[in-house]
Amino acid sequence: MSRDLRPPVDILHYEIVQEQASALGRMGRALEQNLGRLREFDAAYEASGTPASMQPARRKLVMEAGQALWMFVVQREASGLRDSRHIMRTYNVPGEVQLCMGLVPAPSKATST
């Protein structure tokens, strides 16, 4: 039977760092997925341009990517990684997504019956 001889505070610190790394990974994957959906949408309308009827759907994708970006940046900053320029370059984040970062989407209006 092996016994961990490290002080409890070191064990706790190790667990916290593991969870931070895991959360960063989840947030990074979420950002990649949202940016991928936006890029796929744009690629589908690349030649003809996005029709006016599809602009709300595109705007929703931009807002979702902005929210994912915000979550990732906040998680990185909570982990001590303060410079987000690296994220913008590495993930090739469009400027319009960067501008939506941190914006809370308007709540959908509930229909009363």
C-alpha atoms as a PDB file:
ATOM      1  CA  MET A   1       0.000   0.000   0.000  1.00  0.00           C
ATOM      2  CA  SER A   2       1.561   3.283  -1.079  1.00  0.00           C
ATOM      3  CA  ARG A   3       0.989   6.456   0.828  1.00  0.00           C
ATOM      4  CA  ASP A   4       1.367   9.935  -0.615  1.00  0.00           C
ATOM      5  CA  LEU A   5       3.869  11.724   1.596  1.00  0.00           C
ATOM      6  CA  ARG A   6       3.304  15.174   0.144  1.00  0.00           C
ATOM      7  CA  PRO A   7       1.716  17.796   2.387  1.00  0.00           C
ATOM      8  CA  PRO A   8      -2.070  18.059   1.899  1.00  0.00           C
ATOM      9  CA  VAL A   9      -1.735  21.599   0.552  1.00  0.00           C
ATOM     10  CA  ASP A  10       0.533  20.334  -2.250  1.00  0.00           C
ATOM     11  CA  ILE A  11      -1.949  17.607  -3.128  1.00  0.00           C
ATOM     12  CA  LEU A  12      -4.770  20.155  -3.224  1.00  0.00           C
ATOM     13  CA  HIS A  13      -2.709  22.525  -5.367  1.00  0.00           C
ATOM     14  CA  TYR A  14      -2.003  19.701  -7.813  1.00  0.00           C
ATOM     15  CA  GLU A  15      -5.741  18.918  -8.063  1.00  0.00           C
ATOM     16  CA  ILE A  16      -6.574  22.588  -8.663  1.00  0.00           C
ATOM     17  CA  VAL A  17      -3.971  22.902 -11.413  1.00  0.00           C
ATOM     18  CA  GLN A  18      -5.298  19.729 -13.056  1.00  0.00           C
ATOM     19  CA  GLU A  19      -8.842  21.129 -13.065  1.00  0.00           C
ATOM     20  CA  GLN A  20      -7.653  24.462 -14.461  1.00  0.00           C
ATOM     21  CA  ALA A  21      -5.900  22.654 -17.306  1.00  0.00           C
ATOM     22  CA  SER A  22      -8.975  20.542 -17.975  1.00  0.00           C
ATOM     23  CA  ALA A  23     -11.229  23.614 -18.004  1.00  0.00           C
ATOM     24  CA  LEU A  24      -8.853  25.403 -20.381  1.00  0.00           C
ATOM     25  CA  GLY A  25      -9.004  22.438 -22.716  1.00  0.00           C
ATOM     26  CA  ARG A  26     -12.812  22.366 -22.654  1.00  0.00           C
ATOM     27  CA  MET A  27     -13.052  26.106 -23.277  1.00  0.00           C
ATOM     28  CA  GLY A  28     -10.522  25.934 -26.118  1.00  0.00           C
ATOM     29  CA  ARG A  29     -12.426  23.100 -27.792  1.00  0.00           C
ATOM     30  CA  ALA A  30     -15.705  25.009 -27.421  1.00  0.00           C
ATOM     31  CA  LEU A  31     -14.115  28.044 -29.077  1.00  0.00           C
ATOM     32  CA  GLU A  32     -12.776  25.894 -31.923  1.00  0.00           C
ATOM     33  CA  GLN A  33     -16.215  24.339 -32.468  1.00  0.00           C
ATOM     34  CA  ASN A  34     -17.999  27.693 -32.524  1.00  0.00           C
ATOM     35  CA  LEU A  35     -15.454  29.244 -34.861  1.00  0.00           C
ATOM     36  CA  GLY A  36     -15.705  26.147 -37.069  1.00  0.00           C
ATOM     37  CA  ARG A  37     -19.487  26.500 -37.363  1.00  0.00           C
ATOM     38  CA  LEU A  38     -19.101  30.160 -38.307  1.00  0.00           C
ATOM     39  CA  ARG A  39     -16.445  29.353 -40.903  1.00  0.00           C
ATOM     40  CA  GLU A  40     -18.586  26.566 -42.385  1.00  0.00           C
ATOM     41  CA  PHE A  41     -21.527  28.949 -42.631  1.00  0.00           C
ATOM     42  CA  ASP A  42     -19.398  31.584 -44.335  1.00  0.00           C
ATOM     43  CA  ALA A  43     -17.910  29.003 -46.709  1.00  0.00           C
ATOM     44  CA  ALA A  44     -21.395  27.923 -47.790  1.00  0.00           C
ATOM     45  CA  TYR A  45     -22.185  31.481 -48.907  1.00  0.00           C
ATOM     46  CA  GLU A  46     -18.678  32.524 -49.988  1.00  0.00           C
ATOM     47  CA  ALA A  47     -19.405  32.877 -53.698  1.00  0.00           C
ATOM     48  CA  SER A  48     -22.815  34.510 -53.529  1.00  0.00           C
ATOM     49  CA  GLY A  49     -22.621  36.330 -50.212  1.00  0.00           C
ATOM     50  CA  THR A  50     -24.904  35.769 -47.265  1.00  0.00           C
ATOM     51  CA  PRO A  51     -28.517  36.507 -48.199  1.00  0.00           C
ATOM     52  CA  ALA A  52     -30.438  38.913 -45.977  1.00  0.00           C
ATOM     53  CA  SER A  53     -32.700  36.099 -44.805  1.00  0.00           C
ATOM     54  CA  MET A  54     -29.668  34.271 -43.367  1.00  0.00           C
ATOM     55  CA  GLN A  55     -28.106  37.272 -41.606  1.00  0.00           C
ATOM     56  CA  PRO A  56     -29.837  36.555 -38.263  1.00  0.00           C
ATOM     57  CA  ALA A  57     -28.503  32.977 -38.315  1.00  0.00           C
ATOM     58  CA  ARG A  58     -25.004  34.259 -39.035  1.00  0.00           C
ATOM     59  CA  ARG A  59     -25.267  36.881 -36.323  1.00  0.00           C
ATOM     60  CA  LYS A  60     -26.242  34.134 -33.867  1.00  0.00           C
ATOM     61  CA  LEU A  61     -23.126  32.149 -34.830  1.00  0.00           C
ATOM     62  CA  VAL A  62     -20.947  35.234 -34.337  1.00  0.00           C
ATOM     63  CA  MET A  63     -22.487  35.863 -30.909  1.00  0.00           C
ATOM     64  CA  GLU A  64     -22.019  32.221 -29.874  1.00  0.00           C
ATOM     65  CA  ALA A  65     -18.372  32.331 -30.952  1.00  0.00           C
ATOM     66  CA  GLY A  66     -17.961  35.608 -29.031  1.00  0.00           C
ATOM     67  CA  GLN A  67     -19.394  33.984 -25.914  1.00  0.00           C
ATOM     68  CA  ALA A  68     -17.071  30.979 -26.282  1.00  0.00           C
ATOM     69  CA  LEU A  69     -14.132  33.349 -26.753  1.00  0.00           C
ATOM     70  CA  TRP A  70     -15.109  35.264 -23.624  1.00  0.00           C
ATOM     71  CA  MET A  71     -15.342  32.070 -21.560  1.00  0.00           C
ATOM     72  CA  PHE A  72     -11.918  30.944 -22.784  1.00  0.00           C
ATOM     73  CA  VAL A  73     -10.261  34.306 -22.125  1.00  0.00           C
ATOM     74  CA  VAL A  74     -11.752  34.511 -18.621  1.00  0.00           C
ATOM     75  CA  GLN A  75     -10.597  30.968 -17.800  1.00  0.00           C
ATOM     76  CA  ARG A  76      -7.096  31.750 -19.068  1.00  0.00           C
ATOM     77  CA  GLU A  77      -6.942  34.947 -17.040  1.00  0.00           C
ATOM     78  CA  ALA A  78      -8.134  33.107 -13.929  1.00  0.00           C
ATOM     79  CA  SER A  79      -5.198  30.754 -14.495  1.00  0.00           C
ATOM     80  CA  GLY A  80      -2.747  33.656 -14.686  1.00  0.00           C
ATOM     81  CA  LEU A  81      -2.473  33.839 -18.489  1.00  0.00           C
ATOM     82  CA  ARG A  82      -3.245  37.486 -19.105  1.00  0.00           C
ATOM     83  CA  ASP A  83      -2.264  38.092 -22.750  1.00  0.00           C
ATOM     84  CA  SER A  84      -5.134  37.141 -25.064  1.00  0.00           C
ATOM     85  CA  ARG A  85      -3.363  38.216 -28.269  1.00  0.00           C
ATOM     86  CA  HIS A  86      -1.959  34.701 -28.523  1.00  0.00           C
ATOM     87  CA  ILE A  87      -5.505  33.271 -28.608  1.00  0.00           C
ATOM     88  CA  MET A  88      -6.594  35.674 -31.328  1.00  0.00           C
ATOM     89  CA  ARG A  89      -3.657  34.667 -33.537  1.00  0.00           C
ATOM     90  CA  THR A  90      -3.643  30.945 -32.793  1.00  0.00           C
ATOM     91  CA  TYR A  91      -7.378  30.466 -33.290  1.00  0.00           C
ATOM     92  CA  ASN A  92      -7.557  33.084 -36.071  1.00  0.00           C
ATOM     93  CA  VAL A  93     -10.469  34.805 -34.332  1.00  0.00           C
ATOM     94  CA  PRO A  94     -12.285  37.236 -36.656  1.00  0.00           C
ATOM     95  CA  GLY A  95     -12.532  40.835 -35.508  1.00  0.00           C
ATOM     96  CA  GLU A  96     -16.323  40.732 -35.394  1.00  0.00           C
ATOM     97  CA  VAL A  97     -16.162  37.798 -32.959  1.00  0.00           C
ATOM     98  CA  GLN A  98     -13.656  39.697 -30.813  1.00  0.00           C
ATOM     99  CA  LEU A  99     -16.051  42.648 -30.704  1.00  0.00           C
ATOM    100  CA  CYS A 100     -18.842  40.360 -29.427  1.00  0.00           C
ATOM    101  CA  MET A 101     -16.674  38.944 -26.659  1.00  0.00           C
ATOM    102  CA  GLY A 102     -18.419  39.362 -23.321  1.00  0.00           C
ATOM    103  CA  LEU A 103     -21.708  40.583 -24.732  1.00  0.00           C
ATOM    104  CA  VAL A 104     -24.699  38.855 -23.292  1.00  0.00           C
ATOM    105  CA  PRO A 105     -27.276  37.908 -25.911  1.00  0.00           C
ATOM    106  CA  ALA A 106     -30.683  39.480 -25.446  1.00  0.00           C
ATOM    107  CA  PRO A 107     -33.132  37.099 -23.812  1.00  0.00           C
ATOM    108  CA  SER A 108     -35.682  35.638 -26.165  1.00  0.00           C
ATOM    109  CA  LYS A 109     -39.120  37.085 -25.747  1.00  0.00           C
ATOM    110  CA  ALA A 110     -41.560  34.669 -24.225  1.00  0.00           C
ATOM    111  CA  THR A 111     -44.903  34.524 -25.911  1.00  0.00           C
ATOM    112  CA  SER A 112     -47.838  34.942 -23.616  1.00  0.00           C
ATOM    113  CA  THR A 113     -50.928  32.884 -24.225  1.00  0.00           C
END
